[in-house]
Every structure is written in structure tokens, then in C-alpha cells.
Amino acid sequence: MKNVTIYTTMTCPYCYRAKSLLKKLSVPYKEIGVDFKPSLRADMAEKAGKTSVPQIWFDDKHIGGCDDLYALYEEGNLEKILSH
């Protein structure tokens, strides 16, 4: 199983949506809240090339945001990727 990391904020509905899908699939994840933490958000933005949340990684591979996670799920690829 891949290590899943998700950068979030407390007010982001897309963050809650992404976490909800991961919970539904019983996928453990490490959540990094970037609220009021400009240095963490800057680190996330540098790694992802984006400042929006959520930003999601499987191990060291950047997956993208909530829409990207759901696209993998709807294509039937999410669980395959996570298990390899």
C-alpha cells in the first residue's frame, strides 16, 4: 500500500471530499494542515507547483487535487495504483 499524504485547509470543501473518498476506501493517509502555516503551504506549492488545496501524493508521486483523485477512482485505477 502506498503512503498517502494530503495537504488541506479546514475550510476547503474539496479537501473534505478527497478525505471522504479515502476514508470510504479505508485508505490511511497523513494529513498536513496548512492553515495559518505559510511555510508549510510554501513547501507544498514548491513540490506541487500549485498553491490550491488539496494536494495529494502517493509516496513521492504527486497525484494532484480532489478532481484528479476522483478521476483515478472513476477510471477504476485508484485502488490499483494504491496497491502497487
N, C-alpha and C. Protein backbone atom coordinates (compact mmCIF):
# COMPACT_ATOMS: atom_id res chain seq x y z
N MET A 1 0.85 -1.19 0.00
CA MET A 1 0.00 0.00 0.00
C MET A 1 0.88 1.24 0.00
N LYS A 2 0.54 2.17 -0.84
CA LYS A 2 1.28 3.42 -0.91
C LYS A 2 1.00 4.28 0.33
N ASN A 3 1.97 5.11 0.67
CA ASN A 3 1.77 6.11 1.71
C ASN A 3 1.09 7.31 1.06
N VAL A 4 -0.06 7.70 1.60
CA VAL A 4 -0.83 8.80 1.04
C VAL A 4 -0.68 10.02 1.95
N THR A 5 -0.34 11.14 1.33
CA THR A 5 -0.22 12.41 2.05
C THR A 5 -1.13 13.40 1.36
N ILE A 6 -1.89 14.13 2.16
CA ILE A 6 -2.82 15.13 1.61
C ILE A 6 -2.66 16.44 2.39
N TYR A 7 -2.38 17.50 1.66
CA TYR A 7 -2.29 18.84 2.23
C TYR A 7 -3.68 19.46 2.17
N THR A 8 -4.14 20.01 3.29
CA THR A 8 -5.51 20.51 3.39
C THR A 8 -5.59 21.83 4.14
N THR A 9 -6.80 22.41 4.07
CA THR A 9 -7.17 23.50 4.97
C THR A 9 -8.51 23.13 5.60
N MET A 10 -8.84 23.79 6.70
CA MET A 10 -10.06 23.48 7.43
C MET A 10 -11.33 23.91 6.70
N THR A 11 -11.23 24.87 5.80
CA THR A 11 -12.42 25.43 5.15
C THR A 11 -12.62 24.97 3.71
N CYS A 12 -11.81 24.04 3.25
CA CYS A 12 -11.85 23.62 1.86
C CYS A 12 -12.81 22.44 1.65
N PRO A 13 -13.90 22.64 0.91
CA PRO A 13 -14.83 21.53 0.67
C PRO A 13 -14.20 20.41 -0.16
N TYR A 14 -13.27 20.75 -1.04
CA TYR A 14 -12.60 19.73 -1.86
C TYR A 14 -11.69 18.85 -1.01
N CYS A 15 -11.12 19.42 0.03
CA CYS A 15 -10.30 18.64 0.96
C CYS A 15 -11.17 17.60 1.66
N TYR A 16 -12.34 18.04 2.13
CA TYR A 16 -13.25 17.11 2.80
C TYR A 16 -13.74 16.02 1.83
N ARG A 17 -13.97 16.40 0.60
CA ARG A 17 -14.43 15.43 -0.40
C ARG A 17 -13.35 14.39 -0.67
N ALA A 18 -12.10 14.83 -0.83
CA ALA A 18 -11.00 13.90 -1.08
C ALA A 18 -10.79 12.98 0.11
N LYS A 19 -10.80 13.53 1.32
CA LYS A 19 -10.62 12.71 2.52
C LYS A 19 -11.77 11.72 2.67
N SER A 20 -12.97 12.13 2.30
CA SER A 20 -14.14 11.25 2.38
C SER A 20 -13.97 10.03 1.48
N LEU A 21 -13.47 10.23 0.28
CA LEU A 21 -13.25 9.11 -0.63
C LEU A 21 -12.18 8.17 -0.06
N LEU A 22 -11.10 8.72 0.45
CA LEU A 22 -10.05 7.88 1.02
C LEU A 22 -10.58 7.08 2.20
N LYS A 23 -11.39 7.72 3.05
CA LYS A 23 -11.99 7.01 4.20
C LYS A 23 -12.93 5.92 3.73
N LYS A 24 -13.74 6.21 2.71
CA LYS A 24 -14.68 5.23 2.17
C LYS A 24 -13.95 3.98 1.68
N LEU A 25 -12.77 4.18 1.12
CA LEU A 25 -11.97 3.07 0.61
C LEU A 25 -11.04 2.48 1.66
N SER A 26 -11.13 2.98 2.90
CA SER A 26 -10.28 2.54 4.01
C SER A 26 -8.80 2.73 3.71
N VAL A 27 -8.48 3.85 3.07
CA VAL A 27 -7.09 4.18 2.75
C VAL A 27 -6.55 5.10 3.84
N PRO A 28 -5.56 4.66 4.59
CA PRO A 28 -4.98 5.55 5.59
C PRO A 28 -4.20 6.67 4.90
N TYR A 29 -4.20 7.83 5.51
CA TYR A 29 -3.47 8.96 4.93
C TYR A 29 -2.92 9.84 6.03
N LYS A 30 -1.88 10.57 5.66
CA LYS A 30 -1.30 11.57 6.55
C LYS A 30 -1.81 12.93 6.07
N GLU A 31 -2.46 13.63 6.95
CA GLU A 31 -3.00 14.95 6.62
C GLU A 31 -2.07 16.03 7.15
N ILE A 32 -1.75 16.98 6.28
CA ILE A 32 -0.92 18.12 6.67
C ILE A 32 -1.76 19.37 6.47
N GLY A 33 -2.19 19.96 7.57
CA GLY A 33 -2.98 21.19 7.51
C GLY A 33 -2.08 22.39 7.30
N VAL A 34 -2.42 23.21 6.31
CA VAL A 34 -1.59 24.37 6.00
C VAL A 34 -2.24 25.69 6.43
N ASP A 35 -3.35 25.59 7.19
CA ASP A 35 -3.98 26.80 7.70
C ASP A 35 -3.00 27.58 8.59
N PHE A 36 -2.86 28.84 8.29
CA PHE A 36 -2.02 29.74 9.11
C PHE A 36 -0.58 29.25 9.23
N LYS A 37 -0.13 28.48 8.25
CA LYS A 37 1.24 27.96 8.23
C LYS A 37 1.86 28.25 6.87
N PRO A 38 2.24 29.49 6.65
CA PRO A 38 2.74 29.87 5.32
C PRO A 38 3.96 29.07 4.87
N SER A 39 4.79 28.64 5.79
CA SER A 39 5.98 27.89 5.37
C SER A 39 5.59 26.50 4.87
N LEU A 40 4.60 25.86 5.52
CA LEU A 40 4.13 24.55 5.04
C LEU A 40 3.45 24.68 3.69
N ARG A 41 2.65 25.73 3.54
CA ARG A 41 1.97 25.94 2.26
C ARG A 41 2.99 26.23 1.16
N ALA A 42 4.03 26.97 1.48
CA ALA A 42 5.09 27.25 0.50
C ALA A 42 5.81 25.97 0.11
N ASP A 43 6.09 25.10 1.07
CA ASP A 43 6.71 23.80 0.77
C ASP A 43 5.82 22.99 -0.16
N MET A 44 4.52 22.95 0.15
CA MET A 44 3.56 22.23 -0.68
C MET A 44 3.56 22.80 -2.10
N ALA A 45 3.49 24.11 -2.21
CA ALA A 45 3.43 24.77 -3.51
C ALA A 45 4.70 24.51 -4.32
N GLU A 46 5.83 24.48 -3.65
CA GLU A 46 7.09 24.21 -4.35
C GLU A 46 7.11 22.79 -4.90
N LYS A 47 6.64 21.83 -4.09
CA LYS A 47 6.63 20.43 -4.53
C LYS A 47 5.56 20.18 -5.59
N ALA A 48 4.38 20.80 -5.44
CA ALA A 48 3.25 20.51 -6.32
C ALA A 48 3.21 21.43 -7.55
N GLY A 49 3.81 22.60 -7.41
CA GLY A 49 3.69 23.58 -8.48
C GLY A 49 2.34 24.27 -8.47
N LYS A 50 1.59 24.11 -7.37
CA LYS A 50 0.27 24.71 -7.21
C LYS A 50 0.10 25.17 -5.77
N THR A 51 -0.73 26.19 -5.58
CA THR A 51 -0.97 26.69 -4.22
C THR A 51 -2.33 26.26 -3.69
N SER A 52 -3.17 25.67 -4.54
CA SER A 52 -4.51 25.27 -4.11
C SER A 52 -4.46 23.97 -3.31
N VAL A 53 -5.48 23.76 -2.51
CA VAL A 53 -5.61 22.52 -1.75
C VAL A 53 -6.90 21.84 -2.17
N PRO A 54 -6.98 20.54 -2.02
CA PRO A 54 -5.93 19.66 -1.51
C PRO A 54 -4.88 19.38 -2.57
N GLN A 55 -3.71 19.00 -2.11
CA GLN A 55 -2.66 18.45 -2.96
C GLN A 55 -2.33 17.08 -2.38
N ILE A 56 -2.30 16.08 -3.24
CA ILE A 56 -2.23 14.69 -2.79
C ILE A 56 -1.03 14.00 -3.41
N TRP A 57 -0.33 13.22 -2.56
CA TRP A 57 0.79 12.41 -3.01
C TRP A 57 0.57 10.96 -2.63
N PHE A 58 0.99 10.05 -3.52
CA PHE A 58 1.10 8.63 -3.21
C PHE A 58 2.59 8.36 -3.18
N ASP A 59 3.12 8.07 -2.02
CA ASP A 59 4.57 8.01 -1.80
C ASP A 59 5.16 9.33 -2.29
N ASP A 60 6.09 9.31 -3.23
CA ASP A 60 6.71 10.55 -3.73
C ASP A 60 6.07 11.05 -5.02
N LYS A 61 5.00 10.41 -5.47
CA LYS A 61 4.35 10.79 -6.73
C LYS A 61 3.18 11.73 -6.47
N HIS A 62 3.27 12.92 -7.06
CA HIS A 62 2.18 13.90 -6.91
C HIS A 62 1.01 13.48 -7.79
N ILE A 63 -0.15 13.31 -7.18
CA ILE A 63 -1.35 12.90 -7.89
C ILE A 63 -2.13 14.11 -8.38
N GLY A 64 -2.14 15.17 -7.59
CA GLY A 64 -2.89 16.37 -7.93
C GLY A 64 -3.87 16.70 -6.83
N GLY A 65 -5.05 17.17 -7.23
CA GLY A 65 -6.06 17.58 -6.27
C GLY A 65 -7.23 16.62 -6.21
N CYS A 66 -8.32 17.12 -5.69
CA CYS A 66 -9.52 16.31 -5.48
C CYS A 66 -10.06 15.75 -6.81
N ASP A 67 -10.16 16.59 -7.83
CA ASP A 67 -10.68 16.13 -9.12
C ASP A 67 -9.81 15.03 -9.71
N ASP A 68 -8.50 15.14 -9.53
CA ASP A 68 -7.58 14.13 -10.04
C ASP A 68 -7.77 12.81 -9.30
N LEU A 69 -7.97 12.89 -7.98
CA LEU A 69 -8.20 11.69 -7.18
C LEU A 69 -9.49 10.99 -7.62
N TYR A 70 -10.55 11.76 -7.80
CA TYR A 70 -11.83 11.18 -8.23
C TYR A 70 -11.75 10.63 -9.64
N ALA A 71 -10.97 11.27 -10.51
CA ALA A 71 -10.81 10.75 -11.88
C ALA A 71 -10.16 9.38 -11.84
N LEU A 72 -9.13 9.21 -11.02
CA LEU A 72 -8.50 7.90 -10.87
C LEU A 72 -9.50 6.86 -10.37
N TYR A 73 -10.33 7.27 -9.42
CA TYR A 73 -11.33 6.37 -8.85
C TYR A 73 -12.37 5.97 -9.91
N GLU A 74 -12.88 6.96 -10.63
CA GLU A 74 -13.92 6.69 -11.62
C GLU A 74 -13.39 5.86 -12.79
N GLU A 75 -12.10 5.99 -13.10
CA GLU A 75 -11.49 5.18 -14.16
C GLU A 75 -11.20 3.76 -13.69
N GLY A 76 -11.34 3.53 -12.39
CA GLY A 76 -11.04 2.21 -11.85
C GLY A 76 -9.56 1.99 -11.58
N ASN A 77 -8.78 3.07 -11.56
CA ASN A 77 -7.33 2.95 -11.38
C ASN A 77 -6.84 3.25 -9.98
N LEU A 78 -7.65 3.88 -9.16
CA LEU A 78 -7.18 4.33 -7.85
C LEU A 78 -6.71 3.18 -6.98
N GLU A 79 -7.53 2.18 -6.82
CA GLU A 79 -7.17 1.06 -5.95
C GLU A 79 -5.98 0.26 -6.51
N LYS A 80 -5.88 0.18 -7.83
CA LYS A 80 -4.74 -0.49 -8.47
C LYS A 80 -3.44 0.24 -8.15
N ILE A 81 -3.47 1.55 -8.31
CA ILE A 81 -2.28 2.37 -8.06
C ILE A 81 -1.87 2.26 -6.59
N LEU A 82 -2.84 2.35 -5.70
CA LEU A 82 -2.54 2.31 -4.26
C LEU A 82 -1.97 0.98 -3.81
N SER A 83 -2.36 -0.09 -4.47
CA SER A 83 -1.92 -1.43 -4.03
C SER A 83 -0.55 -1.82 -4.57
N HIS A 84 -0.02 -1.08 -5.52
CA HIS A 84 1.30 -1.42 -6.10
C HIS A 84 2.40 -0.62 -5.48
